[in-house]
């Protein structure tokens, strides 16, 4: 899959995710909505097994790997949610996972990622250096990079959250989406 991501790509990702992750609920938030002066509904992606929507993208990308890529393994760079999602789904799919994390990553994120079965590499001090080191290891060890946001499969996987939300709440006036790396907003758009 290449950019740009189409709605059909998101539908394919949604089919791939069927019965593989939680279809999270969309729930009214009347108290917060009243304080903001709006009718508010929230999509509870924090209920995913890995605690965030990153589980969608990680599964979609990892499930797309061919047999040779799966045997070689994958690599990701992350300081948290993406790391945990990649580790969880890689282990579930029998794919060796390596995660490059900055040395200042919170201990709980490192521990949770290790618990999921990933090999952790901690010797760089920024995410930028983690990404550079992950690219180097990928090349040297023939590992497939599972990027946290800059990948068409990742964007399609993230976009499935919006499809579910719009199915649950079809008459939205606005959809507010947090932006980190840009994968979620790209998929929602």
C-alpha atoms as a PDB file:
ATOM      1  CA  UNK A   1       0.000   0.000   0.000  1.00  0.00           C
ATOM      2  CA  UNK A   2       1.242   3.472  -0.788  1.00  0.00           C
ATOM      3  CA  UNK A   3       0.188   6.992   0.022  1.00  0.00           C
ATOM      4  CA  UNK A   4      -2.325   8.481  -0.266  1.00  0.00           C
ATOM      5  CA  UNK A   5      -4.483   6.186   1.809  1.00  0.00           C
ATOM      6  CA  UNK A   6      -8.007   5.720   0.458  1.00  0.00           C
ATOM      7  CA  UNK A   7     -11.240   4.913   2.216  1.00  0.00           C
ATOM      8  CA  UNK A   8     -11.033   1.462   0.607  1.00  0.00           C
ATOM      9  CA  UNK A   9      -7.636   0.965   2.296  1.00  0.00           C
ATOM     10  CA  UNK A  10      -9.239   1.769   5.646  1.00  0.00           C
ATOM     11  CA  UNK A  11     -12.070  -0.681   4.925  1.00  0.00           C
ATOM     12  CA  UNK A  12      -9.460  -3.379   4.169  1.00  0.00           C
ATOM     13  CA  UNK A  13      -7.713  -2.572   7.449  1.00  0.00           C
ATOM     14  CA  UNK A  14     -11.044  -2.774   9.256  1.00  0.00           C
ATOM     15  CA  UNK A  15     -11.650  -6.231   7.796  1.00  0.00           C
ATOM     16  CA  UNK A  16      -8.149  -7.331   8.818  1.00  0.00           C
ATOM     17  CA  UNK A  17      -8.814  -6.132  12.381  1.00  0.00           C
ATOM     18  CA  UNK A  18     -12.126  -7.958  12.696  1.00  0.00           C
ATOM     19  CA  UNK A  19     -12.000 -10.133  15.825  1.00  0.00           C
ATOM     20  CA  UNK A  20      -8.336  -9.180  16.406  1.00  0.00           C
ATOM     21  CA  UNK A  21      -8.774  -6.082  18.569  1.00  0.00           C
ATOM     22  CA  UNK A  22     -11.560  -4.659  20.688  1.00  0.00           C
ATOM     23  CA  UNK A  23     -14.221  -2.664  18.890  1.00  0.00           C
ATOM     24  CA  UNK A  24     -14.145   0.114  21.433  1.00  0.00           C
ATOM     25  CA  UNK A  25     -17.324   1.837  22.552  1.00  0.00           C
ATOM     26  CA  UNK A  26     -18.319   5.418  21.812  1.00  0.00           C
ATOM     27  CA  UNK A  27     -19.901   6.824  24.968  1.00  0.00           C
ATOM     28  CA  UNK A  28     -21.693  10.064  25.799  1.00  0.00           C
ATOM     29  CA  UNK A  29     -19.767  12.391  28.135  1.00  0.00           C
ATOM     30  CA  UNK A  30     -22.567  14.617  29.456  1.00  0.00           C
ATOM     31  CA  UNK A  31     -20.700  16.222  32.363  1.00  0.00           C
ATOM     32  CA  UNK A  32     -17.711  17.270  30.278  1.00  0.00           C
ATOM     33  CA  UNK A  33     -20.000  18.175  27.386  1.00  0.00           C
ATOM     34  CA  UNK A  34     -22.095  20.399  29.630  1.00  0.00           C
ATOM     35  CA  UNK A  35     -18.974  22.145  30.936  1.00  0.00           C
ATOM     36  CA  UNK A  36     -17.911  22.781  27.329  1.00  0.00           C
ATOM     37  CA  UNK A  37     -21.406  23.678  26.136  1.00  0.00           C
ATOM     38  CA  UNK A  38     -21.570  20.853  23.587  1.00  0.00           C
ATOM     39  CA  UNK A  39     -23.103  17.418  23.115  1.00  0.00           C
ATOM     40  CA  UNK A  40     -19.966  15.286  23.547  1.00  0.00           C
ATOM     41  CA  UNK A  41     -19.215  11.643  22.785  1.00  0.00           C
ATOM     42  CA  UNK A  42     -15.849   9.956  23.412  1.00  0.00           C
ATOM     43  CA  UNK A  43     -14.260   6.957  21.652  1.00  0.00           C
ATOM     44  CA  UNK A  44     -12.660   4.820  24.379  1.00  0.00           C
ATOM     45  CA  UNK A  45      -9.486   3.585  22.698  1.00  0.00           C
ATOM     46  CA  UNK A  46      -7.846   3.357  26.115  1.00  0.00           C
ATOM     47  CA  UNK A  47      -9.763   0.067  26.485  1.00  0.00           C
ATOM     48  CA  UNK A  48      -7.590  -1.674  23.863  1.00  0.00           C
ATOM     49  CA  UNK A  49      -5.469  -4.469  25.364  1.00  0.00           C
ATOM     50  CA  UNK A  50      -2.358  -2.303  24.979  1.00  0.00           C
ATOM     51  CA  UNK A  51      -4.095   0.790  26.373  1.00  0.00           C
ATOM     52  CA  UNK A  52      -4.229   2.888  23.202  1.00  0.00           C
ATOM     53  CA  UNK A  53      -5.360   3.056  19.594  1.00  0.00           C
ATOM     54  CA  UNK A  54      -1.806   2.148  18.513  1.00  0.00           C
ATOM     55  CA  UNK A  55      -2.955  -1.468  18.660  1.00  0.00           C
ATOM     56  CA  UNK A  56      -4.949  -0.948  15.452  1.00  0.00           C
ATOM     57  CA  UNK A  57      -2.015   0.184  13.341  1.00  0.00           C
ATOM     58  CA  UNK A  58       0.483  -2.284  14.786  1.00  0.00           C
ATOM     59  CA  UNK A  59      -1.745  -5.252  14.012  1.00  0.00           C
ATOM     60  CA  UNK A  60      -2.581  -4.093  10.487  1.00  0.00           C
ATOM     61  CA  UNK A  61       1.061  -3.617   9.577  1.00  0.00           C
ATOM     62  CA  UNK A  62       2.377  -6.772  11.254  1.00  0.00           C
ATOM     63  CA  UNK A  63      -0.380  -8.954   9.791  1.00  0.00           C
ATOM     64  CA  UNK A  64       0.632  -7.762   6.321  1.00  0.00           C
ATOM     65  CA  UNK A  65       4.185  -9.153   6.582  1.00  0.00           C
ATOM     66  CA  UNK A  66       5.057 -12.107   4.365  1.00  0.00           C
ATOM     67  CA  UNK A  67       6.605 -15.317   5.751  1.00  0.00           C
ATOM     68  CA  UNK A  68      10.203 -14.198   5.159  1.00  0.00           C
ATOM     69  CA  UNK A  69       9.617 -10.830   6.836  1.00  0.00           C
ATOM     70  CA  UNK A  70       7.917 -12.521   9.783  1.00  0.00           C
ATOM     71  CA  UNK A  71      10.833 -14.921  10.213  1.00  0.00           C
ATOM     72  CA  UNK A  72      13.403 -12.096  10.190  1.00  0.00           C
ATOM     73  CA  UNK A  73      11.416  -9.989  12.652  1.00  0.00           C
ATOM     74  CA  UNK A  74      10.401  -6.388  13.025  1.00  0.00           C
ATOM     75  CA  UNK A  75      11.788  -3.272  14.626  1.00  0.00           C
ATOM     76  CA  UNK A  76      10.104  -0.138  15.901  1.00  0.00           C
ATOM     77  CA  UNK A  77      11.111   3.022  17.671  1.00  0.00           C
ATOM     78  CA  UNK A  78       8.868   4.352  20.390  1.00  0.00           C
ATOM     79  CA  UNK A  79       8.803   5.661  23.920  1.00  0.00           C
ATOM     80  CA  UNK A  80       5.555   3.969  24.831  1.00  0.00           C
ATOM     81  CA  UNK A  81       2.209   3.123  23.291  1.00  0.00           C
ATOM     82  CA  UNK A  82       3.455   2.120  19.832  1.00  0.00           C
ATOM     83  CA  UNK A  83       6.179  -0.003  21.448  1.00  0.00           C
ATOM     84  CA  UNK A  84       3.663  -1.889  23.562  1.00  0.00           C
ATOM     85  CA  UNK A  85       1.295  -2.448  20.648  1.00  0.00           C
ATOM     86  CA  UNK A  86       4.035  -3.715  18.327  1.00  0.00           C
ATOM     87  CA  UNK A  87       5.423  -6.006  21.030  1.00  0.00           C
ATOM     88  CA  UNK A  88       1.986  -7.407  21.870  1.00  0.00           C
ATOM     89  CA  UNK A  89       0.897  -8.133  18.305  1.00  0.00           C
ATOM     90  CA  UNK A  90       4.321  -9.361  17.168  1.00  0.00           C
ATOM     91  CA  UNK A  91       4.336 -11.914  19.975  1.00  0.00           C
ATOM     92  CA  UNK A  92       0.766 -12.907  19.136  1.00  0.00           C
ATOM     93  CA  UNK A  93       1.727 -13.403  15.480  1.00  0.00           C
ATOM     94  CA  UNK A  94       4.998 -15.233  16.278  1.00  0.00           C
ATOM     95  CA  UNK A  95       7.209 -12.414  14.977  1.00  0.00           C
ATOM     96  CA  UNK A  96      10.405 -11.489  16.843  1.00  0.00           C
ATOM     97  CA  UNK A  97      10.186  -7.810  17.830  1.00  0.00           C
ATOM     98  CA  UNK A  98      12.922  -5.332  18.674  1.00  0.00           C
ATOM     99  CA  UNK A  99      11.981  -1.938  20.067  1.00  0.00           C
ATOM    100  CA  UNK A 100      14.460   0.953  20.196  1.00  0.00           C
ATOM    101  CA  UNK A 101      13.530   3.271  23.067  1.00  0.00           C
ATOM    102  CA  UNK A 102      15.206   6.445  24.323  1.00  0.00           C
ATOM    103  CA  UNK A 103      17.008   6.079  27.641  1.00  0.00           C
ATOM    104  CA  UNK A 104      14.570   8.495  29.328  1.00  0.00           C
ATOM    105  CA  UNK A 105      11.533   6.334  28.489  1.00  0.00           C
ATOM    106  CA  UNK A 106       9.380   5.845  31.604  1.00  0.00           C
ATOM    107  CA  UNK A 107      10.244   2.597  33.356  1.00  0.00           C
ATOM    108  CA  UNK A 108       6.630   1.368  33.229  1.00  0.00           C
ATOM    109  CA  UNK A 109       6.612   1.676  29.413  1.00  0.00           C
ATOM    110  CA  UNK A 110       9.853  -0.305  29.169  1.00  0.00           C
ATOM    111  CA  UNK A 111       8.563  -2.969  31.569  1.00  0.00           C
ATOM    112  CA  UNK A 112       5.212  -3.291  29.806  1.00  0.00           C
ATOM    113  CA  UNK A 113       6.925  -3.608  26.424  1.00  0.00           C
ATOM    114  CA  UNK A 114       9.338  -6.271  27.723  1.00  0.00           C
ATOM    115  CA  UNK A 115       6.400  -8.165  29.265  1.00  0.00           C
ATOM    116  CA  UNK A 116       4.874  -8.368  25.804  1.00  0.00           C
ATOM    117  CA  UNK A 117       7.948 -10.251  24.590  1.00  0.00           C
ATOM    118  CA  UNK A 118       9.998  -7.628  22.743  1.00  0.00           C
ATOM    119  CA  UNK A 119      13.744  -7.143  22.881  1.00  0.00           C
ATOM    120  CA  UNK A 120      14.416  -3.610  24.111  1.00  0.00           C
ATOM    121  CA  UNK A 121      17.349  -1.511  22.905  1.00  0.00           C
ATOM    122  CA  UNK A 122      18.033   1.411  25.279  1.00  0.00           C
ATOM    123  CA  UNK A 123      21.144   3.357  24.398  1.00  0.00           C
ATOM    124  CA  UNK A 124      20.005   6.504  22.643  1.00  0.00           C
ATOM    125  CA  UNK A 125      18.710   9.665  24.292  1.00  0.00           C
ATOM    126  CA  UNK A 126      16.086  10.985  21.858  1.00  0.00           C
ATOM    127  CA  UNK A 127      13.327   9.614  19.637  1.00  0.00           C
ATOM    128  CA  UNK A 128      15.154  11.003  16.610  1.00  0.00           C
ATOM    129  CA  UNK A 129      18.249   8.996  17.503  1.00  0.00           C
ATOM    130  CA  UNK A 130      16.056   5.974  18.262  1.00  0.00           C
ATOM    131  CA  UNK A 131      14.594   6.201  14.764  1.00  0.00           C
ATOM    132  CA  UNK A 132      18.050   6.485  13.214  1.00  0.00           C
ATOM    133  CA  UNK A 133      19.314   3.512  15.207  1.00  0.00           C
ATOM    134  CA  UNK A 134      16.215   1.468  14.307  1.00  0.00           C
ATOM    135  CA  UNK A 135      16.839   2.160  10.594  1.00  0.00           C
ATOM    136  CA  UNK A 136      20.460   1.033  10.982  1.00  0.00           C
ATOM    137  CA  UNK A 137      19.467  -2.175  12.800  1.00  0.00           C
ATOM    138  CA  UNK A 138      16.744  -2.805  10.225  1.00  0.00           C
ATOM    139  CA  UNK A 139      19.255  -2.646   7.404  1.00  0.00           C
ATOM    140  CA  UNK A 140      21.927  -4.719   9.168  1.00  0.00           C
ATOM    141  CA  UNK A 141      19.573  -7.411  10.489  1.00  0.00           C
ATOM    142  CA  UNK A 142      16.926  -7.386   7.727  1.00  0.00           C
ATOM    143  CA  UNK A 143      14.196  -6.349  10.172  1.00  0.00           C
ATOM    144  CA  UNK A 144      10.974  -4.775   8.920  1.00  0.00           C
ATOM    145  CA  UNK A 145      10.401  -1.291  10.309  1.00  0.00           C
ATOM    146  CA  UNK A 146       7.008  -0.771  11.918  1.00  0.00           C
ATOM    147  CA  UNK A 147       6.794   3.007  11.902  1.00  0.00           C
ATOM    148  CA  UNK A 148       4.530   4.633  14.497  1.00  0.00           C
ATOM    149  CA  UNK A 149       2.818   6.980  12.026  1.00  0.00           C
ATOM    150  CA  UNK A 150       4.561   7.510   8.676  1.00  0.00           C
ATOM    151  CA  UNK A 151       3.263   4.414   6.883  1.00  0.00           C
ATOM    152  CA  UNK A 152       0.188   3.805   4.729  1.00  0.00           C
ATOM    153  CA  UNK A 153      -0.824   0.618   6.595  1.00  0.00           C
ATOM    154  CA  UNK A 154      -0.456   2.408   9.922  1.00  0.00           C
ATOM    155  CA  UNK A 155      -2.580   5.324   8.700  1.00  0.00           C
ATOM    156  CA  UNK A 156      -5.244   2.929   7.400  1.00  0.00           C
ATOM    157  CA  UNK A 157      -5.258   1.059  10.706  1.00  0.00           C
ATOM    158  CA  UNK A 158      -5.640   4.296  12.679  1.00  0.00           C
ATOM    159  CA  UNK A 159      -8.450   5.400  10.368  1.00  0.00           C
ATOM    160  CA  UNK A 160     -10.563   2.443  11.457  1.00  0.00           C
ATOM    161  CA  UNK A 161     -11.214   4.227  14.763  1.00  0.00           C
ATOM    162  CA  UNK A 162     -12.956   7.056  12.887  1.00  0.00           C
ATOM    163  CA  UNK A 163     -15.052   4.618  10.839  1.00  0.00           C
ATOM    164  CA  UNK A 164     -16.279   2.965  14.035  1.00  0.00           C
ATOM    165  CA  UNK A 165     -16.931   6.332  15.670  1.00  0.00           C
ATOM    166  CA  UNK A 166     -18.879   7.660  12.685  1.00  0.00           C
ATOM    167  CA  UNK A 167     -20.903   4.443  12.610  1.00  0.00           C
ATOM    168  CA  UNK A 168     -21.788   4.920  16.283  1.00  0.00           C
ATOM    169  CA  UNK A 169     -22.420   8.676  16.034  1.00  0.00           C
ATOM    170  CA  UNK A 170     -23.304   9.421  12.385  1.00  0.00           C
ATOM    171  CA  UNK A 171     -24.431  13.048  12.801  1.00  0.00           C
ATOM    172  CA  UNK A 172     -21.273  14.640  14.158  1.00  0.00           C
ATOM    173  CA  UNK A 173     -20.730  18.361  13.741  1.00  0.00           C
ATOM    174  CA  UNK A 174     -17.011  17.993  14.422  1.00  0.00           C
ATOM    175  CA  UNK A 175     -14.494  15.245  15.084  1.00  0.00           C
ATOM    176  CA  UNK A 176     -11.660  16.314  17.380  1.00  0.00           C
ATOM    177  CA  UNK A 177      -8.506  14.251  16.898  1.00  0.00           C
ATOM    178  CA  UNK A 178      -5.279  14.540  18.911  1.00  0.00           C
ATOM    179  CA  UNK A 179      -2.120  14.953  16.876  1.00  0.00           C
ATOM    180  CA  UNK A 180       1.237  13.435  17.746  1.00  0.00           C
ATOM    181  CA  UNK A 181       3.055  12.038  14.732  1.00  0.00           C
ATOM    182  CA  UNK A 182       0.077  12.475  12.409  1.00  0.00           C
ATOM    183  CA  UNK A 183      -1.001   8.878  11.692  1.00  0.00           C
ATOM    184  CA  UNK A 184      -4.343   9.126  13.485  1.00  0.00           C
ATOM    185  CA  UNK A 185      -5.370  12.475  12.000  1.00  0.00           C
ATOM    186  CA  UNK A 186      -4.320  11.249   8.544  1.00  0.00           C
ATOM    187  CA  UNK A 187      -6.419   8.099   8.864  1.00  0.00           C
ATOM    188  CA  UNK A 188      -9.391  10.021  10.239  1.00  0.00           C
ATOM    189  CA  UNK A 189      -9.188  12.596   7.452  1.00  0.00           C
END
